[in-house]
C-alpha atoms as a PDB file:
ATOM      1  CA  MET A   1      33.284  46.555 -17.041  1.00  0.00           C
ATOM      2  CA  LYS A   2      30.748  45.378 -19.633  1.00  0.00           C
ATOM      3  CA  LEU A   3      33.421  43.268 -21.338  1.00  0.00           C
ATOM      4  CA  LEU A   4      34.367  41.727 -18.000  1.00  0.00           C
ATOM      5  CA  SER A   5      30.740  40.924 -17.249  1.00  0.00           C
ATOM      6  CA  LEU A   6      30.314  39.322 -20.678  1.00  0.00           C
ATOM      7  CA  PHE A   7      33.470  37.259 -20.174  1.00  0.00           C
ATOM      8  CA  CYS A   8      32.256  36.068 -16.772  1.00  0.00           C
ATOM      9  CA  LEU A   9      28.907  35.136 -18.271  1.00  0.00           C
ATOM     10  CA  LEU A  10      30.544  33.106 -21.031  1.00  0.00           C
ATOM     11  CA  VAL A  11      32.788  31.323 -18.550  1.00  0.00           C
ATOM     12  CA  PHE A  12      29.792  30.621 -16.316  1.00  0.00           C
ATOM     13  CA  VAL A  13      27.802  29.179 -19.214  1.00  0.00           C
ATOM     14  CA  GLY A  14      30.801  27.068 -20.217  1.00  0.00           C
ATOM     15  CA  VAL A  15      31.137  25.695 -16.704  1.00  0.00           C
ATOM     16  CA  ILE A  16      27.451  24.868 -16.521  1.00  0.00           C
ATOM     17  CA  ASN A  17      27.605  23.045 -19.858  1.00  0.00           C
ATOM     18  CA  GLY A  18      30.776  21.250 -18.825  1.00  0.00           C
ATOM     19  CA  GLN A  19      29.168  20.070 -15.601  1.00  0.00           C
ATOM     20  CA  GLU A  20      26.373  18.427 -17.578  1.00  0.00           C
ATOM     21  CA  TYR A  21      28.979  16.177 -19.149  1.00  0.00           C
ATOM     22  CA  GLU A  22      30.077  13.548 -16.649  1.00  0.00           C
ATOM     23  CA  LYS A  23      33.834  12.956 -16.423  1.00  0.00           C
ATOM     24  CA  ARG A  24      34.886   9.362 -17.054  1.00  0.00           C
ATOM     25  CA  ARG A  25      37.950   7.404 -18.126  1.00  0.00           C
ATOM     26  CA  TYR A  26      38.154   4.266 -20.223  1.00  0.00           C
ATOM     27  CA  ILE A  27      41.065   2.086 -19.101  1.00  0.00           C
ATOM     28  CA  THR A  28      42.381  -0.870 -21.061  1.00  0.00           C
ATOM     29  CA  GLN A  29      45.741  -2.516 -20.374  1.00  0.00           C
ATOM     30  CA  ASN A  30      48.282   0.351 -20.505  1.00  0.00           C
ATOM     31  CA  ASP A  31      45.930   2.940 -22.012  1.00  0.00           C
ATOM     32  CA  THR A  32      43.650   5.498 -20.429  1.00  0.00           C
ATOM     33  CA  LEU A  33      41.198   7.399 -22.596  1.00  0.00           C
ATOM     34  CA  PRO A  34      39.504  10.344 -20.848  1.00  0.00           C
ATOM     35  CA  TYR A  35      35.981  11.064 -22.038  1.00  0.00           C
ATOM     36  CA  ARG A  36      32.971  13.162 -21.215  1.00  0.00           C
ATOM     37  CA  LEU A  37      29.530  11.613 -21.184  1.00  0.00           C
ATOM     38  CA  LEU A  38      26.157  13.305 -21.614  1.00  0.00           C
ATOM     39  CA  LEU A  39      23.088  11.205 -20.861  1.00  0.00           C
ATOM     40  CA  PRO A  40      19.575  12.098 -22.081  1.00  0.00           C
ATOM     41  CA  ASP A  41      17.103  13.770 -19.757  1.00  0.00           C
ATOM     42  CA  ASN A  42      15.320  11.236 -17.545  1.00  0.00           C
ATOM     43  CA  TYR A  43      17.775   8.549 -18.607  1.00  0.00           C
ATOM     44  CA  ASN A  44      16.360   5.061 -18.173  1.00  0.00           C
ATOM     45  CA  PRO A  45      18.994   2.270 -18.193  1.00  0.00           C
ATOM     46  CA  LYS A  46      16.337  -0.205 -19.351  1.00  0.00           C
ATOM     47  CA  LYS A  47      15.642   1.815 -22.477  1.00  0.00           C
ATOM     48  CA  SER A  48      17.950   1.812 -25.506  1.00  0.00           C
ATOM     49  CA  TYR A  49      19.285   5.104 -26.864  1.00  0.00           C
ATOM     50  CA  PRO A  50      21.174   6.338 -29.931  1.00  0.00           C
ATOM     51  CA  LEU A  51      24.905   6.931 -29.475  1.00  0.00           C
ATOM     52  CA  LEU A  52      26.739   9.959 -30.880  1.00  0.00           C
ATOM     53  CA  VAL A  53      30.530  10.128 -30.534  1.00  0.00           C
ATOM     54  CA  PHE A  54      32.417  13.316 -31.401  1.00  0.00           C
ATOM     55  CA  LEU A  55      36.161  13.503 -32.128  1.00  0.00           C
ATOM     56  CA  HIS A  56      37.813  16.857 -31.381  1.00  0.00           C
ATOM     57  CA  GLY A  57      40.677  18.618 -33.177  1.00  0.00           C
ATOM     58  CA  ALA A  58      44.433  18.537 -32.542  1.00  0.00           C
ATOM     59  CA  GLY A  59      44.418  21.594 -30.304  1.00  0.00           C
ATOM     60  CA  GLU A  60      42.233  19.868 -27.722  1.00  0.00           C
ATOM     61  CA  ARG A  61      44.484  16.843 -27.119  1.00  0.00           C
ATOM     62  CA  GLY A  62      45.650  16.034 -23.602  1.00  0.00           C
ATOM     63  CA  ASN A  63      44.435  14.293 -20.454  1.00  0.00           C
ATOM     64  CA  ASP A  64      42.635  17.085 -18.599  1.00  0.00           C
ATOM     65  CA  ASN A  65      39.235  15.744 -19.734  1.00  0.00           C
ATOM     66  CA  GLU A  66      38.148  19.329 -20.370  1.00  0.00           C
ATOM     67  CA  LYS A  67      39.512  20.724 -23.621  1.00  0.00           C
ATOM     68  CA  GLN A  68      37.670  18.280 -25.879  1.00  0.00           C
ATOM     69  CA  LEU A  69      34.436  20.122 -25.035  1.00  0.00           C
ATOM     70  CA  LEU A  70      35.739  23.379 -26.531  1.00  0.00           C
ATOM     71  CA  HIS A  71      33.975  23.081 -29.891  1.00  0.00           C
ATOM     72  CA  GLY A  72      30.460  21.764 -30.344  1.00  0.00           C
ATOM     73  CA  SER A  73      29.622  20.439 -26.890  1.00  0.00           C
ATOM     74  CA  ASP A  74      26.973  23.114 -26.320  1.00  0.00           C
ATOM     75  CA  LEU A  75      25.008  21.825 -29.328  1.00  0.00           C
ATOM     76  CA  TYR A  76      24.062  18.708 -27.412  1.00  0.00           C
ATOM     77  CA  THR A  77      23.112  20.466 -24.185  1.00  0.00           C
ATOM     78  CA  SER A  78      20.609  22.712 -25.955  1.00  0.00           C
ATOM     79  CA  ASP A  79      16.948  22.215 -25.098  1.00  0.00           C
ATOM     80  CA  ILE A  80      16.121  21.619 -28.771  1.00  0.00           C
ATOM     81  CA  PHE A  81      18.620  18.783 -29.142  1.00  0.00           C
ATOM     82  CA  ARG A  82      17.773  17.120 -25.839  1.00  0.00           C
ATOM     83  CA  LYS A  83      14.057  17.234 -26.585  1.00  0.00           C
ATOM     84  CA  ASN A  84      14.205  16.020 -30.185  1.00  0.00           C
ATOM     85  CA  TYR A  85      17.206  13.686 -30.075  1.00  0.00           C
ATOM     86  CA  PRO A  86      17.527  11.966 -26.696  1.00  0.00           C
ATOM     87  CA  ALA A  87      20.904  10.314 -27.203  1.00  0.00           C
ATOM     88  CA  ILE A  88      24.012   9.298 -25.326  1.00  0.00           C
ATOM     89  CA  VAL A  89      26.683  11.805 -26.378  1.00  0.00           C
ATOM     90  CA  VAL A  90      30.385  11.069 -25.860  1.00  0.00           C
ATOM     91  CA  PHE A  91      33.478  13.272 -26.275  1.00  0.00           C
ATOM     92  CA  PRO A  92      36.689  11.201 -25.922  1.00  0.00           C
ATOM     93  CA  GLN A  93      40.027  13.021 -25.576  1.00  0.00           C
ATOM     94  CA  CYS A  94      43.027  12.061 -27.693  1.00  0.00           C
ATOM     95  CA  PRO A  95      46.415  11.827 -25.885  1.00  0.00           C
ATOM     96  CA  LYS A  96      48.718  14.811 -26.415  1.00  0.00           C
ATOM     97  CA  ASN A  97      51.383  12.737 -28.165  1.00  0.00           C
ATOM     98  CA  SER A  98      48.946  10.935 -30.471  1.00  0.00           C
ATOM     99  CA  TYR A  99      46.476  11.620 -33.274  1.00  0.00           C
ATOM    100  CA  TRP A 100      42.970  10.360 -34.053  1.00  0.00           C
ATOM    101  CA  ALA A 101      44.108   9.296 -37.541  1.00  0.00           C
ATOM    102  CA  SER A 102      47.130   7.377 -38.805  1.00  0.00           C
ATOM    103  CA  VAL A 103      47.989  10.192 -41.172  1.00  0.00           C
ATOM    104  CA  GLN A 104      51.543  11.140 -42.097  1.00  0.00           C
ATOM    105  CA  LYS A 105      52.199  14.856 -41.611  1.00  0.00           C
ATOM    106  CA  ASN A 106      54.722  16.552 -43.892  1.00  0.00           C
ATOM    107  CA  LYS A 107      56.495  19.890 -43.438  1.00  0.00           C
ATOM    108  CA  THR A 108      55.622  21.678 -46.654  1.00  0.00           C
ATOM    109  CA  LYS A 109      53.952  24.882 -47.779  1.00  0.00           C
ATOM    110  CA  LYS A 110      51.842  22.930 -50.268  1.00  0.00           C
ATOM    111  CA  LEU A 111      48.541  22.266 -48.513  1.00  0.00           C
ATOM    112  CA  GLU A 112      47.672  19.227 -50.600  1.00  0.00           C
ATOM    113  CA  LYS A 113      50.974  17.610 -49.619  1.00  0.00           C
ATOM    114  CA  ARG A 114      50.781  18.449 -45.910  1.00  0.00           C
ATOM    115  CA  PHE A 115      48.925  15.239 -44.995  1.00  0.00           C
ATOM    116  CA  ASN A 116      49.332  11.794 -46.485  1.00  0.00           C
ATOM    117  CA  PHE A 117      46.525   9.279 -45.969  1.00  0.00           C
ATOM    118  CA  GLU A 118      47.521   5.664 -46.478  1.00  0.00           C
ATOM    119  CA  LYS A 119      45.681   3.712 -49.127  1.00  0.00           C
ATOM    120  CA  ASN A 120      45.872   0.487 -47.159  1.00  0.00           C
ATOM    121  CA  LEU A 121      45.283   1.064 -43.462  1.00  0.00           C
ATOM    122  CA  LYS A 122      47.670  -0.643 -41.084  1.00  0.00           C
ATOM    123  CA  ILE A 123      47.389  -1.297 -37.377  1.00  0.00           C
ATOM    124  CA  PHE A 124      47.233   2.025 -35.557  1.00  0.00           C
ATOM    125  CA  HIS A 125      47.091   1.974 -31.784  1.00  0.00           C
ATOM    126  CA  THR A 126      44.911   5.035 -31.195  1.00  0.00           C
ATOM    127  CA  GLN A 127      42.290   3.727 -33.598  1.00  0.00           C
ATOM    128  CA  GLU A 128      42.455   0.334 -31.910  1.00  0.00           C
ATOM    129  CA  VAL A 129      41.702   1.982 -28.566  1.00  0.00           C
ATOM    130  CA  LEU A 130      38.786   3.861 -30.114  1.00  0.00           C
ATOM    131  CA  GLU A 131      37.320   0.615 -31.447  1.00  0.00           C
ATOM    132  CA  LEU A 132      37.641  -1.057 -28.057  1.00  0.00           C
ATOM    133  CA  PHE A 133      36.093   2.031 -26.488  1.00  0.00           C
ATOM    134  CA  MET A 134      33.048   1.750 -28.754  1.00  0.00           C
ATOM    135  CA  TYR A 135      32.458  -1.822 -27.651  1.00  0.00           C
ATOM    136  CA  ASP A 136      32.995  -0.914 -24.010  1.00  0.00           C
ATOM    137  CA  LEU A 137      30.327   1.781 -24.229  1.00  0.00           C
ATOM    138  CA  GLU A 138      27.875  -0.849 -25.416  1.00  0.00           C
ATOM    139  CA  LYS A 139      28.671  -2.980 -22.395  1.00  0.00           C
ATOM    140  CA  SER A 140      28.128  -0.047 -20.056  1.00  0.00           C
ATOM    141  CA  PHE A 141      25.007   1.455 -21.619  1.00  0.00           C
ATOM    142  CA  ASN A 142      21.915   0.259 -23.414  1.00  0.00           C
ATOM    143  CA  ILE A 143      22.729   1.574 -26.894  1.00  0.00           C
ATOM    144  CA  ASP A 144      20.473   1.143 -29.904  1.00  0.00           C
ATOM    145  CA  SER A 145      22.706  -0.754 -32.333  1.00  0.00           C
ATOM    146  CA  SER A 146      20.803   0.676 -35.310  1.00  0.00           C
ATOM    147  CA  SER A 147      21.502   4.256 -34.217  1.00  0.00           C
ATOM    148  CA  ARG A 148      25.232   4.779 -33.689  1.00  0.00           C
ATOM    149  CA  TYR A 149      26.659   8.002 -35.104  1.00  0.00           C
ATOM    150  CA  LEU A 150      30.102   9.589 -35.413  1.00  0.00           C
ATOM    151  CA  GLY A 151      31.385  13.084 -36.125  1.00  0.00           C
ATOM    152  CA  GLY A 152      34.568  15.094 -35.848  1.00  0.00           C
ATOM    153  CA  LEU A 153      36.427  18.223 -36.859  1.00  0.00           C
ATOM    154  CA  SER A 154      39.908  18.728 -38.337  1.00  0.00           C
ATOM    155  CA  MET A 155      42.033  15.912 -36.826  1.00  0.00           C
ATOM    156  CA  GLY A 156      38.740  14.467 -35.620  1.00  0.00           C
ATOM    157  CA  GLY A 157      37.308  14.715 -39.126  1.00  0.00           C
ATOM    158  CA  MET A 158      40.243  12.642 -40.348  1.00  0.00           C
ATOM    159  CA  GLY A 159      39.665  10.215 -37.505  1.00  0.00           C
ATOM    160  CA  THR A 160      35.997   9.981 -38.474  1.00  0.00           C
ATOM    161  CA  PHE A 161      36.787   8.905 -42.039  1.00  0.00           C
ATOM    162  CA  GLU A 162      39.320   6.390 -40.762  1.00  0.00           C
ATOM    163  CA  LEU A 163      37.271   4.892 -37.936  1.00  0.00           C
ATOM    164  CA  VAL A 164      34.289   4.326 -40.232  1.00  0.00           C
ATOM    165  CA  THR A 165      36.641   2.697 -42.741  1.00  0.00           C
ATOM    166  CA  ARG A 166      37.893   0.374 -40.015  1.00  0.00           C
ATOM    167  CA  MET A 167      34.360  -0.270 -38.684  1.00  0.00           C
ATOM    168  CA  PRO A 168      32.257  -0.172 -41.896  1.00  0.00           C
ATOM    169  CA  ASN A 169      29.268  -1.986 -40.428  1.00  0.00           C
ATOM    170  CA  TYR A 170      29.056  -0.074 -37.179  1.00  0.00           C
ATOM    171  CA  PHE A 171      27.835   3.503 -37.683  1.00  0.00           C
ATOM    172  CA  ALA A 172      24.480   4.496 -39.168  1.00  0.00           C
ATOM    173  CA  ALA A 173      25.763   7.908 -40.359  1.00  0.00           C
ATOM    174  CA  ALA A 174      28.714  10.251 -39.887  1.00  0.00           C
ATOM    175  CA  PHE A 175      29.813  13.825 -40.469  1.00  0.00           C
ATOM    176  CA  ALA A 176      33.333  15.153 -41.010  1.00  0.00           C
ATOM    177  CA  ILE A 177      34.301  18.826 -40.751  1.00  0.00           C
ATOM    178  CA  CYS A 178      37.516  20.143 -42.387  1.00  0.00           C
ATOM    179  CA  GLY A 179      39.084  16.681 -42.318  1.00  0.00           C
ATOM    180  CA  GLY A 180      40.192  14.274 -45.008  1.00  0.00           C
ATOM    181  CA  GLY A 181      41.017  10.717 -45.934  1.00  0.00           C
ATOM    182  CA  ASN A 182      42.088   8.537 -48.831  1.00  0.00           C
ATOM    183  CA  PRO A 183      39.530   8.271 -51.681  1.00  0.00           C
ATOM    184  CA  ALA A 184      40.583   4.618 -52.017  1.00  0.00           C
ATOM    185  CA  TRP A 185      38.511   3.946 -48.877  1.00  0.00           C
ATOM    186  CA  SER A 186      35.317   5.097 -50.585  1.00  0.00           C
ATOM    187  CA  LYS A 187      33.854   1.710 -51.406  1.00  0.00           C
ATOM    188  CA  THR A 188      34.306   0.580 -47.798  1.00  0.00           C
ATOM    189  CA  LEU A 189      32.799   3.856 -46.578  1.00  0.00           C
ATOM    190  CA  SER A 190      29.787   3.382 -48.855  1.00  0.00           C
ATOM    191  CA  LYS A 191      27.821   1.586 -46.128  1.00  0.00           C
ATOM    192  CA  THR A 192      27.710   4.778 -44.069  1.00  0.00           C
ATOM    193  CA  PRO A 193      26.078   8.029 -45.273  1.00  0.00           C
ATOM    194  CA  PHE A 194      28.442  11.001 -44.776  1.00  0.00           C
ATOM    195  CA  TRP A 195      27.923  14.733 -44.624  1.00  0.00           C
ATOM    196  CA  ILE A 196      31.220  16.476 -45.329  1.00  0.00           C
ATOM    197  CA  PHE A 197      31.921  20.154 -44.531  1.00  0.00           C
ATOM    198  CA  HIS A 198      34.910  22.317 -45.448  1.00  0.00           C
ATOM    199  CA  GLY A 199      35.845  25.979 -45.951  1.00  0.00           C
ATOM    200  CA  ASP A 200      37.291  26.630 -49.409  1.00  0.00           C
ATOM    201  CA  LYS A 201      39.955  28.972 -47.996  1.00  0.00           C
ATOM    202  CA  ASP A 202      41.244  26.558 -45.348  1.00  0.00           C
ATOM    203  CA  ASN A 203      44.987  27.099 -44.879  1.00  0.00           C
ATOM    204  CA  VAL A 204      45.506  24.271 -42.363  1.00  0.00           C
ATOM    205  CA  VAL A 205      43.806  21.233 -43.893  1.00  0.00           C
ATOM    206  CA  SER A 206      43.350  21.434 -47.640  1.00  0.00           C
ATOM    207  CA  TYR A 207      39.788  21.890 -48.879  1.00  0.00           C
ATOM    208  CA  HIS A 208      40.639  19.449 -51.660  1.00  0.00           C
ATOM    209  CA  PHE A 209      40.955  16.554 -49.189  1.00  0.00           C
ATOM    210  CA  SER A 210      37.229  16.774 -48.451  1.00  0.00           C
ATOM    211  CA  LYS A 211      36.299  17.513 -52.047  1.00  0.00           C
ATOM    212  CA  ARG A 212      38.191  14.463 -53.315  1.00  0.00           C
ATOM    213  CA  MET A 213      36.550  12.263 -50.695  1.00  0.00           C
ATOM    214  CA  PHE A 214      33.094  13.515 -51.645  1.00  0.00           C
ATOM    215  CA  ARG A 215      33.560  13.004 -55.372  1.00  0.00           C
ATOM    216  CA  LYS A 216      34.647   9.394 -54.943  1.00  0.00           C
ATOM    217  CA  MET A 217      32.287   8.513 -52.084  1.00  0.00           C
ATOM    218  CA  LYS A 218      29.275   9.883 -53.975  1.00  0.00           C
ATOM    219  CA  ARG A 219      29.802   7.209 -56.631  1.00  0.00           C
ATOM    220  CA  PHE A 220      29.159   4.480 -54.088  1.00  0.00           C
ATOM    221  CA  ASN A 221      26.604   6.140 -51.802  1.00  0.00           C
ATOM    222  CA  LYS A 222      24.183   8.732 -53.185  1.00  0.00           C
ATOM    223  CA  ALA A 223      23.317   9.852 -49.636  1.00  0.00           C
ATOM    224  CA  THR A 224      26.779  11.413 -49.305  1.00  0.00           C
ATOM    225  CA  LYS A 225      26.625  15.213 -48.980  1.00  0.00           C
ATOM    226  CA  PHE A 226      29.182  17.997 -49.228  1.00  0.00           C
ATOM    227  CA  THR A 227      28.801  21.569 -47.987  1.00  0.00           C
ATOM    228  CA  SER A 228      31.432  24.070 -49.037  1.00  0.00           C
ATOM    229  CA  PHE A 229      31.760  27.339 -47.132  1.00  0.00           C
ATOM    230  CA  LYS A 230      32.926  30.064 -49.502  1.00  0.00           C
ATOM    231  CA  GLY A 231      35.717  32.277 -48.180  1.00  0.00           C
ATOM    232  CA  VAL A 232      35.945  30.367 -44.883  1.00  0.00           C
ATOM    233  CA  ASN A 233      39.281  29.341 -43.367  1.00  0.00           C
ATOM    234  CA  HIS A 234      39.911  26.400 -41.030  1.00  0.00           C
ATOM    235  CA  GLU A 235      37.225  27.206 -38.450  1.00  0.00           C
ATOM    236  CA  SER A 236      34.461  25.858 -40.679  1.00  0.00           C
ATOM    237  CA  TRP A 237      32.973  24.019 -37.710  1.00  0.00           C
ATOM    238  CA  ASN A 238      31.473  27.340 -36.603  1.00  0.00           C
ATOM    239  CA  TYR A 239      29.411  27.272 -39.802  1.00  0.00           C
ATOM    240  CA  ALA A 240      28.717  23.534 -39.858  1.00  0.00           C
ATOM    241  CA  PHE A 241      27.310  23.711 -36.342  1.00  0.00           C
ATOM    242  CA  GLN A 242      24.785  26.294 -37.568  1.00  0.00           C
ATOM    243  CA  GLU A 243      23.420  23.910 -40.199  1.00  0.00           C
ATOM    244  CA  SER A 244      19.813  23.411 -39.106  1.00  0.00           C
ATOM    245  CA  GLN A 245      19.448  20.121 -40.987  1.00  0.00           C
ATOM    246  CA  LEU A 246      22.572  18.477 -39.576  1.00  0.00           C
ATOM    247  CA  PHE A 247      20.912  16.543 -36.776  1.00  0.00           C
ATOM    248  CA  PRO A 248      17.633  15.794 -38.608  1.00  0.00           C
ATOM    249  CA  TRP A 249      19.780  14.345 -41.394  1.00  0.00           C
ATOM    250  CA  ILE A 250      22.059  12.297 -39.121  1.00  0.00           C
ATOM    251  CA  PHE A 251      19.338  10.815 -36.971  1.00  0.00           C
ATOM    252  CA  SER A 252      17.188   9.958 -40.001  1.00  0.00           C
ATOM    253  CA  PHE A 253      19.509   7.026 -40.755  1.00  0.00           C
ATOM    254  CA  LYS A 254      19.222   3.631 -39.124  1.00  0.00           C
ATOM    255  CA  LYS A 255      21.634   0.731 -39.515  1.00  0.00           C
ATOM    256  CA  SER A 256      20.155  -2.604 -40.536  1.00  0.00           C
ATOM    257  CA  ILE A 257      20.744  -5.063 -37.715  1.00  0.00           C
END
């Protein structure tokens, strides 16, 4: 009975948090991108606000406009966040048959060979839609162009590295959890401070993808950070989300306009 009561409480809290995020859909030509939107308390459309976009993992793909809130959404509904960082928070949802990053996935037991990140990025439709979505948000809301931030986990961490590479002058800071990219992008990424997180026992996305990115990116931007979680498998977001300095660090950066 106690377990049932606890389960009901957790579901109730999840529903309450989910309701705080408004359901919306971005439509462009033949594409529809579901997303959830969280506005600051006492939102004033005449006032400009920071923007924080979060890209979910592969398991939350679809079009239900629900699953993308599974990991991390409660961070932004907390009283501490809403009081200290009044921002427009957005959780887009990747289509089930797509991926946030243009990575090639290989069937192999070797973790470091499981994903292949292209050195020279080509046109990739899902990333194109994300870029258009960013610009559409600016048309719909009064966003502070010096305070646009991006984060993501797993597939979303990969998408974070790639989107910043494609939009190097757009985001003021970014964070990527258990993701990866091609170190060849590092010079382009140098305009955006990154905080990278990864568990060193990850058996889904190789820890070395993040480590390689950090080593190369650090050469071009000293603000780049890397946090390694010893003995942690793929769910390193559970630890990254407990990092007390994550948001103070992110919001400390402003993009020169």
